[in-house]
Amino acid sequence: LLAVALLGIQLITEEQSAGMLMILRVSERGRHETVLAKLAVGLIATTVLCTLFTGGSLLVLALKIGLHGWNLPIQMIETMQLCPLAITVGEGVLLSLLVQILTSFAFLAIVMLLSVLLKHPLAIFASVIAVIGVNFAVANYNFFDGYSFFKNINLFWCLDGTRILSVFRGVRLFDRCFALIPTWLVLYLLLVILSGTASI
């Protein structure tokens, strides 16, 4: 999260501090194209970061116990026995990586929006640390029960892609229960779209 936060801040504050952001935003094609280009760079960067972290974890596993059985059902892994999806171990690793990428990208879009709105570097850093701190607290302390929307959709739990896949989870929202995976997907796509649109 810290690496993604620094990237999101860097994408905006460099041009902002040099006075170039306003010039770009009022140019003929600069407003939309600049934000879309920054989001594209952010998506590529978060994909690379998440792939490196996942690759590092797989490398450690390969050195410790070896990697085999990619075509076996994911339920063959002890911690994934209750996974509701009919997928293989390899597909589970890929799906977990995609969850991490979308979650990281949504966080980057939020950081970019904060950077555009707050302008002052200290205020930006403070707000980003606050977002991370609140999500960490919600993930690790019992402020909400296990079915809570905030508990299940927070950044730290969603960055652990295997947790979303490990068992069917319901999320309580408006006195109804929704499956976690589609709820997560809709919410984080909305976060990307709204944050990106508001940054324009």
Protein backbone atom coordinates (compact mmCIF):
# COMPACT_ATOMS: atom_id res chain seq x y z
CA LEU A 1 0.00 0.00 0.00
CA LEU A 2 2.81 2.41 0.82
CA ALA A 3 4.47 1.80 -2.56
CA VAL A 4 1.15 2.38 -4.36
CA ALA A 5 0.50 5.50 -2.26
CA LEU A 6 3.90 6.99 -3.13
CA LEU A 7 3.30 6.25 -6.80
CA GLY A 8 -0.15 7.87 -6.75
CA ILE A 9 1.17 10.99 -5.02
CA GLN A 10 4.12 11.20 -7.42
CA LEU A 11 1.85 11.03 -10.47
CA ILE A 12 0.16 14.29 -9.45
CA THR A 13 2.40 16.33 -7.14
CA GLU A 14 5.40 16.69 -9.48
CA GLU A 15 3.39 18.60 -12.07
CA GLN A 16 1.35 20.34 -9.39
CA SER A 17 4.41 21.73 -7.60
CA ALA A 18 5.93 22.87 -10.90
CA GLY A 19 2.71 24.65 -11.85
CA MET A 20 2.22 22.45 -14.91
CA LEU A 21 -0.93 20.63 -13.79
CA MET A 22 -3.22 23.63 -14.28
CA ILE A 23 -1.69 24.35 -17.69
CA LEU A 24 -2.26 20.74 -18.75
CA ARG A 25 -5.81 20.72 -17.43
CA VAL A 26 -6.85 23.83 -19.41
CA SER A 27 -5.15 22.80 -22.66
CA GLU A 28 -7.29 21.58 -25.55
CA ARG A 29 -6.91 17.85 -24.92
CA GLY A 30 -4.95 17.92 -21.68
CA ARG A 31 -7.67 17.53 -19.09
CA HIS A 32 -9.07 14.11 -19.95
CA GLU A 33 -6.03 12.68 -21.68
CA THR A 34 -3.68 13.59 -18.82
CA VAL A 35 -5.78 11.85 -16.17
CA LEU A 36 -6.39 8.81 -18.38
CA ALA A 37 -2.66 8.57 -19.15
CA LYS A 38 -1.82 8.78 -15.44
CA LEU A 39 -4.41 6.11 -14.64
CA ALA A 40 -2.95 3.90 -17.39
CA VAL A 41 0.56 4.35 -15.97
CA GLY A 42 -0.83 3.62 -12.50
CA LEU A 43 -2.50 0.41 -13.71
CA ILE A 44 0.71 -0.78 -15.36
CA ALA A 45 2.75 0.07 -12.26
CA THR A 46 0.34 -1.62 -9.82
CA THR A 47 0.26 -4.69 -12.08
CA VAL A 48 4.07 -4.85 -12.03
CA LEU A 49 4.23 -4.32 -8.25
CA CYS A 50 1.61 -6.97 -7.47
CA THR A 51 3.19 -9.41 -9.93
CA LEU A 52 6.60 -8.91 -8.31
CA PHE A 53 5.19 -9.50 -4.81
CA THR A 54 3.29 -12.60 -5.94
CA GLY A 55 6.31 -13.85 -7.89
CA GLY A 56 8.51 -13.36 -4.83
CA SER A 57 6.10 -15.35 -2.67
CA LEU A 58 5.96 -18.15 -5.25
CA LEU A 59 9.76 -18.20 -5.45
CA VAL A 60 10.03 -18.62 -1.68
CA LEU A 61 7.49 -21.47 -1.84
CA ALA A 62 9.38 -23.07 -4.72
CA LEU A 63 12.62 -23.02 -2.74
CA LYS A 64 10.97 -24.37 0.42
CA ILE A 65 8.56 -27.06 -0.80
CA GLY A 66 8.58 -26.88 -4.60
CA LEU A 67 5.74 -25.88 -6.90
CA HIS A 68 3.66 -28.60 -8.49
CA GLY A 69 0.02 -29.57 -8.92
CA TRP A 70 -1.07 -26.40 -10.73
CA ASN A 71 -3.87 -28.33 -12.44
CA LEU A 72 -5.28 -29.81 -9.24
CA PRO A 73 -8.51 -28.38 -7.77
CA ILE A 74 -7.78 -25.47 -5.45
CA GLN A 75 -9.63 -27.32 -2.68
CA MET A 76 -6.60 -29.66 -2.46
CA ILE A 77 -4.82 -26.87 -0.54
CA GLU A 78 -5.68 -27.17 3.14
CA THR A 79 -6.51 -23.49 3.65
CA MET A 80 -8.67 -23.42 0.49
CA GLN A 81 -10.85 -26.48 1.15
CA LEU A 82 -13.99 -24.35 1.47
CA CYS A 83 -13.37 -22.27 -1.67
CA PRO A 84 -16.75 -21.99 -3.47
CA LEU A 85 -15.17 -21.72 -6.94
CA ALA A 86 -14.51 -24.67 -9.25
CA ILE A 87 -10.99 -23.60 -10.24
CA THR A 88 -7.50 -25.10 -10.30
CA VAL A 89 -4.57 -24.05 -8.12
CA GLY A 90 -3.04 -22.15 -11.05
CA GLU A 91 -6.30 -20.33 -11.75
CA GLY A 92 -6.57 -19.52 -8.05
CA VAL A 93 -3.11 -17.92 -8.05
CA LEU A 94 -4.01 -15.88 -11.14
CA LEU A 95 -7.39 -14.83 -9.71
CA SER A 96 -5.77 -13.85 -6.42
CA LEU A 97 -3.27 -11.71 -8.35
CA LEU A 98 -6.10 -10.01 -10.27
CA VAL A 99 -7.87 -9.22 -6.97
CA GLN A 100 -4.67 -7.63 -5.64
CA ILE A 101 -4.17 -5.60 -8.83
CA LEU A 102 -7.72 -4.17 -8.87
CA THR A 103 -7.61 -3.40 -5.13
CA SER A 104 -4.23 -1.66 -5.46
CA PHE A 105 -5.38 0.25 -8.54
CA ALA A 106 -8.52 1.48 -6.75
CA PHE A 107 -6.35 2.70 -3.86
CA LEU A 108 -4.03 4.46 -6.33
CA ALA A 109 -7.02 6.23 -7.92
CA ILE A 110 -8.14 7.40 -4.46
CA VAL A 111 -4.62 8.70 -3.72
CA MET A 112 -4.57 10.57 -7.03
CA LEU A 113 -7.93 12.17 -6.20
CA LEU A 114 -6.65 13.23 -2.75
CA SER A 115 -3.53 14.69 -4.42
CA VAL A 116 -5.66 16.77 -6.80
CA LEU A 117 -8.04 17.98 -4.07
CA LEU A 118 -5.62 18.75 -1.23
CA LYS A 119 -2.61 20.10 -3.18
CA HIS A 120 -0.33 20.59 -0.13
CA PRO A 121 2.10 17.63 0.19
CA LEU A 122 1.75 17.40 3.99
CA ALA A 123 -2.06 17.28 3.77
CA ILE A 124 -1.85 14.64 1.03
CA PHE A 125 0.49 12.41 3.07
CA ALA A 126 -1.62 12.85 6.21
CA SER A 127 -4.84 11.91 4.38
CA VAL A 128 -3.23 8.86 2.74
CA ILE A 129 -1.84 7.66 6.09
CA ALA A 130 -5.30 8.20 7.60
CA VAL A 131 -6.95 6.07 4.88
CA ILE A 132 -4.37 3.30 5.43
CA GLY A 133 -4.69 3.55 9.23
CA VAL A 134 -8.49 3.34 9.23
CA ASN A 135 -8.42 0.31 6.91
CA PHE A 136 -5.75 -1.37 9.05
CA ALA A 137 -7.78 -0.79 12.22
CA VAL A 138 -10.97 -2.12 10.63
CA ALA A 139 -9.13 -5.21 9.38
CA ASN A 140 -7.40 -6.03 12.67
CA TYR A 141 -9.76 -4.96 15.44
CA ASN A 142 -13.30 -6.02 16.25
CA PHE A 143 -15.12 -2.78 15.49
CA PHE A 144 -17.49 -4.69 13.20
CA ASP A 145 -18.72 -8.28 13.02
CA GLY A 146 -17.61 -10.80 10.39
CA TYR A 147 -20.49 -9.97 8.03
CA SER A 148 -19.93 -6.23 8.13
CA PHE A 149 -19.57 -4.43 4.80
CA PHE A 150 -16.65 -2.36 6.15
CA LYS A 151 -14.87 -5.39 7.60
CA ASN A 152 -14.97 -7.44 4.41
CA ILE A 153 -14.39 -4.72 1.82
CA ASN A 154 -11.48 -2.87 3.47
CA LEU A 155 -8.17 -2.56 1.61
CA PHE A 156 -6.11 -4.89 3.80
CA TRP A 157 -8.50 -7.84 3.56
CA CYS A 158 -9.01 -7.34 -0.18
CA LEU A 159 -5.27 -7.12 -0.84
CA ASP A 160 -5.06 -10.66 0.51
CA GLY A 161 -6.56 -12.19 -2.61
CA THR A 162 -6.58 -15.70 -1.14
CA ARG A 163 -8.82 -14.59 1.71
CA ILE A 164 -11.60 -13.59 -0.67
CA LEU A 165 -11.35 -16.96 -2.43
CA SER A 166 -10.86 -19.21 0.61
CA VAL A 167 -14.50 -19.52 1.67
CA PHE A 168 -17.90 -18.18 0.64
CA ARG A 169 -18.40 -14.90 2.48
CA GLY A 170 -21.49 -12.81 2.72
CA VAL A 171 -21.51 -9.03 3.14
CA ARG A 172 -24.39 -7.33 4.95
CA LEU A 173 -25.54 -4.17 3.20
CA PHE A 174 -28.91 -2.40 3.53
CA ASP A 175 -30.23 -5.28 5.64
CA ARG A 176 -29.49 -7.75 2.86
CA CYS A 177 -26.67 -10.25 2.38
CA PHE A 178 -24.59 -10.19 -0.81
CA ALA A 179 -21.79 -12.51 -1.96
CA LEU A 180 -18.40 -10.94 -1.25
CA ILE A 181 -16.70 -11.44 -4.63
CA PRO A 182 -19.28 -9.63 -6.84
CA THR A 183 -19.76 -6.96 -4.14
CA TRP A 184 -16.00 -6.36 -4.01
CA LEU A 185 -15.75 -6.24 -7.80
CA VAL A 186 -18.59 -3.71 -8.23
CA LEU A 187 -17.39 -1.50 -5.36
CA TYR A 188 -13.76 -1.32 -6.43
CA LEU A 189 -14.62 -0.70 -10.08
CA LEU A 190 -16.91 2.13 -8.91
CA LEU A 191 -14.07 3.54 -6.78
CA VAL A 192 -11.76 3.58 -9.81
CA ILE A 193 -14.38 5.20 -12.06
CA LEU A 194 -15.52 7.81 -9.52
CA SER A 195 -12.01 8.72 -8.36
CA GLY A 196 -10.74 8.94 -11.93
CA THR A 197 -13.71 11.04 -13.05
CA ALA A 198 -13.39 13.39 -10.07
CA SER A 199 -9.68 13.87 -10.78
CA ILE A 200 -10.42 15.26 -14.24
